[in-house]
């Protein structure tokens, strides 16, 4: 998805005291942003930007840190 079509998600939600800084922000497409907010997805972001998503059925999807070419 092109950057201009992404939503910026607060990993720790802003209304729960999440900061608006790069350590707490994650670009996601609209469909996945809706799933996070309305479908019970739980998102965590590690110190090296490792992403973990826990789905409502308990399945966990995870990535390692992004490669330098991703930046």
C-alpha atoms as a PDB file:
ATOM      1  CA  UNK A   1       0.000   0.000   0.000  1.00  0.00           C
ATOM      2  CA  UNK A   2       1.309   3.443  -0.858  1.00  0.00           C
ATOM      3  CA  UNK A   3       2.186   5.580   2.158  1.00  0.00           C
ATOM      4  CA  UNK A   4      -0.519   8.137   1.378  1.00  0.00           C
ATOM      5  CA  UNK A   5      -3.133   5.389   1.901  1.00  0.00           C
ATOM      6  CA  UNK A   6      -1.827   4.231   5.301  1.00  0.00           C
ATOM      7  CA  UNK A   7      -3.215   4.996   8.727  1.00  0.00           C
ATOM      8  CA  UNK A   8      -0.818   5.678  11.585  1.00  0.00           C
ATOM      9  CA  UNK A   9      -1.747   3.478  14.551  1.00  0.00           C
ATOM     10  CA  UNK A  10      -0.728   4.129  18.167  1.00  0.00           C
ATOM     11  CA  UNK A  11       0.429   0.697  19.426  1.00  0.00           C
ATOM     12  CA  UNK A  12      -0.454   1.821  22.954  1.00  0.00           C
ATOM     13  CA  UNK A  13      -3.637   3.641  22.096  1.00  0.00           C
ATOM     14  CA  UNK A  14      -3.548   7.412  22.472  1.00  0.00           C
ATOM     15  CA  UNK A  15      -6.682   7.366  24.653  1.00  0.00           C
ATOM     16  CA  UNK A  16      -4.840   4.965  26.994  1.00  0.00           C
ATOM     17  CA  UNK A  17      -1.851   7.279  27.339  1.00  0.00           C
ATOM     18  CA  UNK A  18       0.098   6.128  24.281  1.00  0.00           C
ATOM     19  CA  UNK A  19       2.630   8.645  23.094  1.00  0.00           C
ATOM     20  CA  UNK A  20       2.747  10.071  19.600  1.00  0.00           C
ATOM     21  CA  UNK A  21       6.370   9.232  18.863  1.00  0.00           C
ATOM     22  CA  UNK A  22       8.034   6.781  16.489  1.00  0.00           C
ATOM     23  CA  UNK A  23       8.502   4.113  19.162  1.00  0.00           C
ATOM     24  CA  UNK A  24       4.721   3.852  19.529  1.00  0.00           C
ATOM     25  CA  UNK A  25       3.540   4.381  15.947  1.00  0.00           C
ATOM     26  CA  UNK A  26       2.915   1.794  13.256  1.00  0.00           C
ATOM     27  CA  UNK A  27       1.765   2.427   9.672  1.00  0.00           C
ATOM     28  CA  UNK A  28      -1.081   0.073   8.694  1.00  0.00           C
ATOM     29  CA  UNK A  29      -3.578  -0.065   5.844  1.00  0.00           C
ATOM     30  CA  UNK A  30      -7.186   0.947   6.524  1.00  0.00           C
ATOM     31  CA  UNK A  31      -8.431  -2.657   6.582  1.00  0.00           C
ATOM     32  CA  UNK A  32      -5.909  -3.746   9.206  1.00  0.00           C
ATOM     33  CA  UNK A  33      -6.399  -0.558  11.236  1.00  0.00           C
ATOM     34  CA  UNK A  34     -10.110  -1.368  11.420  1.00  0.00           C
ATOM     35  CA  UNK A  35      -9.302  -4.946  12.495  1.00  0.00           C
ATOM     36  CA  UNK A  36      -7.084  -3.650  15.302  1.00  0.00           C
ATOM     37  CA  UNK A  37      -9.740  -1.269  16.610  1.00  0.00           C
ATOM     38  CA  UNK A  38     -12.917  -3.280  16.009  1.00  0.00           C
ATOM     39  CA  UNK A  39     -12.071  -6.962  15.543  1.00  0.00           C
ATOM     40  CA  UNK A  40      -9.992  -7.632  18.647  1.00  0.00           C
ATOM     41  CA  UNK A  41      -6.502  -7.769  17.155  1.00  0.00           C
ATOM     42  CA  UNK A  42      -3.791  -7.128  19.765  1.00  0.00           C
ATOM     43  CA  UNK A  43      -0.628  -5.508  18.419  1.00  0.00           C
ATOM     44  CA  UNK A  44       2.713  -5.260  20.195  1.00  0.00           C
ATOM     45  CA  UNK A  45       5.880  -3.703  18.879  1.00  0.00           C
ATOM     46  CA  UNK A  46       9.281  -4.776  20.249  1.00  0.00           C
ATOM     47  CA  UNK A  47      12.278  -2.505  20.863  1.00  0.00           C
ATOM     48  CA  UNK A  48      13.694  -3.329  17.409  1.00  0.00           C
ATOM     49  CA  UNK A  49      10.262  -2.901  15.771  1.00  0.00           C
ATOM     50  CA  UNK A  50       9.486  -6.617  15.837  1.00  0.00           C
ATOM     51  CA  UNK A  51       5.765  -6.846  15.269  1.00  0.00           C
ATOM     52  CA  UNK A  52       3.481  -9.354  16.976  1.00  0.00           C
ATOM     53  CA  UNK A  53      -0.244  -9.585  16.267  1.00  0.00           C
ATOM     54  CA  UNK A  54      -2.520 -11.776  18.372  1.00  0.00           C
ATOM     55  CA  UNK A  55      -5.796 -12.588  16.627  1.00  0.00           C
ATOM     56  CA  UNK A  56      -9.080 -13.120  18.500  1.00  0.00           C
ATOM     57  CA  UNK A  57      -8.777 -16.917  18.066  1.00  0.00           C
ATOM     58  CA  UNK A  58      -5.386 -16.874  19.843  1.00  0.00           C
ATOM     59  CA  UNK A  59      -3.189 -17.306  16.776  1.00  0.00           C
ATOM     60  CA  UNK A  60      -0.035 -15.207  16.854  1.00  0.00           C
ATOM     61  CA  UNK A  61       1.647 -13.723  13.794  1.00  0.00           C
ATOM     62  CA  UNK A  62       5.114 -12.234  14.256  1.00  0.00           C
ATOM     63  CA  UNK A  63       7.915 -10.618  12.291  1.00  0.00           C
ATOM     64  CA  UNK A  64      11.517  -9.868  13.064  1.00  0.00           C
ATOM     65  CA  UNK A  65      12.939  -6.379  12.874  1.00  0.00           C
ATOM     66  CA  UNK A  66      12.623  -4.715   9.463  1.00  0.00           C
ATOM     67  CA  UNK A  67      15.593  -4.938   7.132  1.00  0.00           C
ATOM     68  CA  UNK A  68      17.592  -1.811   6.374  1.00  0.00           C
ATOM     69  CA  UNK A  69      16.186  -1.821   2.841  1.00  0.00           C
ATOM     70  CA  UNK A  70      12.668  -1.450   4.281  1.00  0.00           C
ATOM     71  CA  UNK A  71      13.546   1.972   5.680  1.00  0.00           C
END
